[in-house]
């Protein structure tokens, strides 16, 4: 047995158990905090339809991890000294264990759904962004008045020159007032699997960070499950007949 500076006797085996427990718990807490912080940033950026999160994400993740690792190392070092276990061999072993637990927690928490998902939080923010700037119910009511023949991948507000080979060229479809605040990013009319009018609204993105938007169709239009699209889209239900999508 060893005595600390205050004269308290510390049993080595209890010190080892304490160090092992902290070595396993601290990396998990740090990684959970990283995912939570990223998710909050992505939600706020989705709320304002911003690209900032995708730009600072690759920098933020390693930065927070490094800071968390340094703080964890400092805390564990203090505990090791107090337990009389501060030797070079033990410190190296503890750091190696923290690294392994940290990597496992970083991917394991997200895989098992035990932490917030930044992309899902971004979709929630986009959903709120759409709800504040467009009346989905009014858009669906407007779609019920659109001629399906005018939904051949036509952009709203654009006049398409008549096709000489087509006896029924697409017609000019004006932008409805319910989409006035969103149409600046582009909106395309098409048909769902049942042949009913559907509109895809592009909200932002670029070649490096992907693209995102919202699709609105008939209230009875089934919304695909996330990641079930042939285009590789992640889809998040908004309201019946509408969903937010993200495409890498």
Protein backbone atom coordinates (compact mmCIF):
# COMPACT_ATOMS: atom_id res chain seq x y z
CA UNK A 1 0.00 0.00 0.00
CA UNK A 2 1.06 3.60 -0.68
CA UNK A 3 0.32 6.82 1.17
CA UNK A 4 -0.59 10.05 -0.65
CA UNK A 5 0.50 13.59 0.38
CA UNK A 6 -2.29 13.84 2.94
CA UNK A 7 -1.26 10.60 4.58
CA UNK A 8 -4.27 8.67 3.26
CA UNK A 9 -3.45 5.07 2.45
CA UNK A 10 -4.41 4.07 -1.08
CA UNK A 11 -4.66 0.45 -2.08
CA UNK A 12 -3.02 -0.17 -5.48
CA UNK A 13 -5.72 -2.52 -6.75
CA UNK A 14 -8.40 0.10 -6.03
CA UNK A 15 -6.30 2.69 -7.86
CA UNK A 16 -6.07 0.44 -10.90
CA UNK A 17 -9.83 -0.08 -10.94
CA UNK A 18 -10.43 3.65 -10.73
CA UNK A 19 -8.01 4.39 -13.55
CA UNK A 20 -9.50 1.68 -15.78
CA UNK A 21 -13.01 2.99 -15.20
CA UNK A 22 -12.06 6.60 -15.94
CA UNK A 23 -9.99 5.55 -18.97
CA UNK A 24 -13.07 3.89 -20.44
CA UNK A 25 -15.64 6.53 -19.48
CA UNK A 26 -13.84 9.77 -20.38
CA UNK A 27 -13.36 9.01 -24.13
CA UNK A 28 -17.05 8.06 -24.41
CA UNK A 29 -18.14 11.33 -22.79
CA UNK A 30 -15.79 13.35 -25.00
CA UNK A 31 -17.04 11.68 -28.20
CA UNK A 32 -20.67 12.10 -27.12
CA UNK A 33 -19.98 15.78 -26.54
CA UNK A 34 -18.37 16.08 -30.01
CA UNK A 35 -21.39 14.57 -31.77
CA UNK A 36 -23.75 16.75 -29.74
CA UNK A 37 -21.84 19.94 -30.49
CA UNK A 38 -21.68 19.14 -34.20
CA UNK A 39 -25.38 18.34 -34.29
CA UNK A 40 -26.28 21.68 -32.73
CA UNK A 41 -24.12 23.56 -35.26
CA UNK A 42 -25.63 21.61 -38.17
CA UNK A 43 -29.17 22.29 -36.89
CA UNK A 44 -28.55 26.03 -36.66
CA UNK A 45 -27.01 26.09 -40.13
CA UNK A 46 -29.98 24.16 -41.52
CA UNK A 47 -32.32 26.59 -39.80
CA UNK A 48 -30.71 29.45 -41.73
CA UNK A 49 -29.97 27.28 -44.80
CA UNK A 50 -26.23 27.87 -44.49
CA UNK A 51 -23.17 26.05 -45.82
CA UNK A 52 -21.02 26.98 -42.82
CA UNK A 53 -21.42 23.65 -41.01
CA UNK A 54 -20.14 21.68 -43.97
CA UNK A 55 -17.17 24.02 -44.20
CA UNK A 56 -16.11 24.01 -40.56
CA UNK A 57 -17.10 20.40 -39.81
CA UNK A 58 -13.80 18.86 -41.01
CA UNK A 59 -11.92 21.39 -38.85
CA UNK A 60 -14.21 21.27 -35.82
CA UNK A 61 -14.23 17.48 -35.37
CA UNK A 62 -10.44 17.00 -34.96
CA UNK A 63 -10.13 20.24 -32.97
CA UNK A 64 -12.69 19.22 -30.38
CA UNK A 65 -11.26 15.69 -30.24
CA UNK A 66 -7.73 17.00 -29.64
CA UNK A 67 -8.89 19.38 -26.91
CA UNK A 68 -10.94 16.63 -25.30
CA UNK A 69 -8.02 14.20 -25.47
CA UNK A 70 -5.63 16.69 -23.88
CA UNK A 71 -8.06 17.43 -21.05
CA UNK A 72 -8.65 13.71 -20.56
CA UNK A 73 -4.91 13.02 -20.42
CA UNK A 74 -4.44 15.78 -17.86
CA UNK A 75 -7.24 14.47 -15.67
CA UNK A 76 -6.03 10.87 -15.83
CA UNK A 77 -2.45 11.94 -15.08
CA UNK A 78 -3.64 13.69 -11.92
CA UNK A 79 -5.55 10.59 -10.86
CA UNK A 80 -2.53 8.37 -11.53
CA UNK A 81 -0.31 10.56 -9.35
CA UNK A 82 -2.84 10.59 -6.55
CA UNK A 83 -3.13 6.80 -6.67
CA UNK A 84 0.65 6.35 -6.71
CA UNK A 85 0.58 4.81 -10.20
CA UNK A 86 2.35 7.56 -12.14
CA UNK A 87 4.98 5.58 -13.99
CA UNK A 88 5.97 5.87 -17.65
CA UNK A 89 4.75 2.37 -18.45
CA UNK A 90 1.37 2.91 -16.86
CA UNK A 91 0.92 6.29 -18.52
CA UNK A 92 1.65 4.82 -21.93
CA UNK A 93 -0.79 1.99 -21.31
CA UNK A 94 -3.50 4.39 -20.20
CA UNK A 95 -3.03 6.64 -23.24
CA UNK A 96 -3.18 3.63 -25.57
CA UNK A 97 -6.41 2.49 -23.94
CA UNK A 98 -7.91 5.97 -24.19
CA UNK A 99 -7.07 6.10 -27.89
CA UNK A 100 -8.73 2.73 -28.53
CA UNK A 101 -11.81 3.58 -26.46
CA UNK A 102 -12.01 6.99 -28.14
CA UNK A 103 -12.04 5.55 -31.66
CA UNK A 104 -14.57 2.90 -30.68
CA UNK A 105 -16.82 5.49 -29.04
CA UNK A 106 -16.51 7.97 -31.93
CA UNK A 107 -18.00 5.53 -34.44
CA UNK A 108 -19.90 3.25 -32.09
CA UNK A 109 -22.09 5.91 -30.49
CA UNK A 110 -23.30 7.16 -33.87
CA UNK A 111 -23.69 3.66 -35.35
CA UNK A 112 -25.82 2.46 -32.42
CA UNK A 113 -27.90 5.62 -32.42
CA UNK A 114 -26.75 6.65 -28.95
CA UNK A 115 -25.71 10.13 -30.07
CA UNK A 116 -27.24 12.87 -32.19
CA UNK A 117 -26.70 12.60 -35.94
CA UNK A 118 -25.44 15.89 -37.47
CA UNK A 119 -27.05 15.17 -40.87
CA UNK A 120 -30.41 14.40 -39.28
CA UNK A 121 -30.18 17.58 -37.22
CA UNK A 122 -29.35 19.54 -40.39
CA UNK A 123 -32.48 18.07 -41.99
CA UNK A 124 -34.52 19.16 -38.95
CA UNK A 125 -33.14 22.66 -39.31
CA UNK A 126 -33.98 22.68 -43.02
CA UNK A 127 -37.49 21.48 -42.17
CA UNK A 128 -37.98 24.45 -39.85
CA UNK A 129 -36.49 26.72 -42.54
CA UNK A 130 -39.06 25.47 -45.05
CA UNK A 131 -41.98 25.69 -42.62
CA UNK A 132 -41.16 29.32 -41.85
CA UNK A 133 -40.96 30.32 -45.53
CA UNK A 134 -43.57 28.19 -47.27
CA UNK A 135 -47.04 26.82 -46.58
CA UNK A 136 -46.73 23.13 -47.46
CA UNK A 137 -50.50 22.57 -47.29
CA UNK A 138 -51.06 25.45 -49.71
CA UNK A 139 -48.39 24.08 -52.05
CA UNK A 140 -50.12 20.68 -52.05
CA UNK A 141 -53.45 22.34 -52.79
CA UNK A 142 -51.81 24.21 -55.68
CA UNK A 143 -50.30 20.98 -57.04
CA UNK A 144 -53.79 19.49 -57.28
CA UNK A 145 -54.63 22.20 -59.85
CA UNK A 146 -51.54 21.64 -62.01
CA UNK A 147 -51.93 19.75 -65.28
CA UNK A 148 -49.73 16.61 -65.20
CA UNK A 149 -48.79 17.38 -68.80
CA UNK A 150 -46.96 20.46 -67.51
CA UNK A 151 -44.78 18.41 -65.19
CA UNK A 152 -42.10 17.10 -67.52
CA UNK A 153 -39.13 18.21 -65.39
CA UNK A 154 -39.99 21.86 -65.98
CA UNK A 155 -38.66 24.68 -63.87
CA UNK A 156 -41.23 27.01 -62.40
CA UNK A 157 -41.37 30.43 -63.99
CA UNK A 158 -39.40 29.33 -67.08
CA UNK A 159 -40.87 29.24 -70.55
CA UNK A 160 -39.61 26.23 -72.51
CA UNK A 161 -39.41 26.62 -76.25
CA UNK A 162 -41.89 24.35 -78.06
CA UNK A 163 -40.36 21.07 -79.19
CA UNK A 164 -40.90 20.50 -82.91
CA UNK A 165 -41.15 16.75 -82.33
CA UNK A 166 -43.66 17.07 -79.49
CA UNK A 167 -47.33 17.72 -80.27
CA UNK A 168 -47.89 18.87 -76.69
CA UNK A 169 -44.91 20.98 -75.52
CA UNK A 170 -44.67 21.95 -71.82
CA UNK A 171 -46.52 25.07 -70.87
CA UNK A 172 -45.44 28.05 -68.80
CA UNK A 173 -46.15 27.43 -65.10
CA UNK A 174 -45.93 30.49 -62.84
CA UNK A 175 -44.47 30.39 -59.37
CA UNK A 176 -47.22 30.11 -56.72
CA UNK A 177 -47.17 32.66 -53.87
CA UNK A 178 -46.66 29.84 -51.35
CA UNK A 179 -43.19 29.21 -52.83
CA UNK A 180 -42.14 32.81 -53.41
CA UNK A 181 -39.51 32.75 -50.64
CA UNK A 182 -38.04 29.41 -51.70
CA UNK A 183 -38.14 29.49 -55.49
CA UNK A 184 -34.98 31.61 -55.71
CA UNK A 185 -32.96 28.39 -55.36
CA UNK A 186 -34.83 26.65 -58.16
CA UNK A 187 -37.90 24.41 -58.32
CA UNK A 188 -38.73 21.68 -60.84
CA UNK A 189 -42.10 20.13 -61.57
CA UNK A 190 -42.22 16.38 -62.17
CA UNK A 191 -44.49 13.40 -61.46
CA UNK A 192 -44.58 10.88 -58.64
CA UNK A 193 -44.91 7.14 -59.18
CA UNK A 194 -48.69 7.54 -59.54
CA UNK A 195 -48.33 10.18 -62.26
CA UNK A 196 -49.44 13.06 -60.04
CA UNK A 197 -47.73 16.48 -60.00
CA UNK A 198 -44.76 16.74 -57.65
CA UNK A 199 -42.34 19.59 -57.06
CA UNK A 200 -38.68 19.38 -56.08
CA UNK A 201 -37.26 22.54 -54.52
CA UNK A 202 -33.48 22.98 -54.41
CA UNK A 203 -32.38 24.85 -51.30
CA UNK A 204 -28.59 24.84 -51.56
CA UNK A 205 -25.35 22.95 -51.93
CA UNK A 206 -22.32 22.59 -54.17
CA UNK A 207 -20.21 19.88 -55.74
CA UNK A 208 -18.00 19.54 -52.66
CA UNK A 209 -20.58 19.32 -49.89
CA UNK A 210 -23.58 17.85 -51.71
CA UNK A 211 -27.03 19.30 -52.36
CA UNK A 212 -30.22 19.50 -50.34
CA UNK A 213 -33.81 20.51 -50.77
CA UNK A 214 -37.43 19.53 -50.20
CA UNK A 215 -39.88 17.53 -52.30
CA UNK A 216 -43.63 18.13 -52.05
CA UNK A 217 -46.30 15.96 -53.61
CA UNK A 218 -49.85 14.85 -53.01
CA UNK A 219 -50.79 14.31 -49.37
CA UNK A 220 -51.12 10.60 -50.11
CA UNK A 221 -47.72 10.34 -51.74
CA UNK A 222 -45.64 7.79 -49.81
CA UNK A 223 -42.42 9.19 -48.39
CA UNK A 224 -39.46 6.83 -48.92
CA UNK A 225 -37.42 5.73 -45.95
CA UNK A 226 -34.03 7.42 -45.44
CA UNK A 227 -31.24 6.20 -47.73
CA UNK A 228 -33.66 4.19 -49.87
CA UNK A 229 -33.36 6.37 -52.97
CA UNK A 230 -31.68 5.03 -56.09
CA UNK A 231 -29.93 8.39 -56.35
CA UNK A 232 -28.24 7.88 -53.00
CA UNK A 233 -30.34 10.50 -51.23
CA UNK A 234 -30.94 10.63 -47.52
CA UNK A 235 -34.61 11.43 -47.02
CA UNK A 236 -36.30 12.78 -43.89
CA UNK A 237 -40.14 13.05 -43.66
CA UNK A 238 -41.44 16.60 -43.23
CA UNK A 239 -45.24 16.25 -43.37
CA UNK A 240 -47.48 13.72 -45.15
CA UNK A 241 -46.55 13.92 -48.82
CA UNK A 242 -43.37 15.98 -48.31
CA UNK A 243 -39.80 15.28 -47.24
CA UNK A 244 -36.39 16.90 -46.96
CA UNK A 245 -33.57 15.29 -48.93
CA UNK A 246 -29.79 15.48 -48.95
CA UNK A 247 -27.64 14.17 -51.79
CA UNK A 248 -23.84 13.86 -51.51
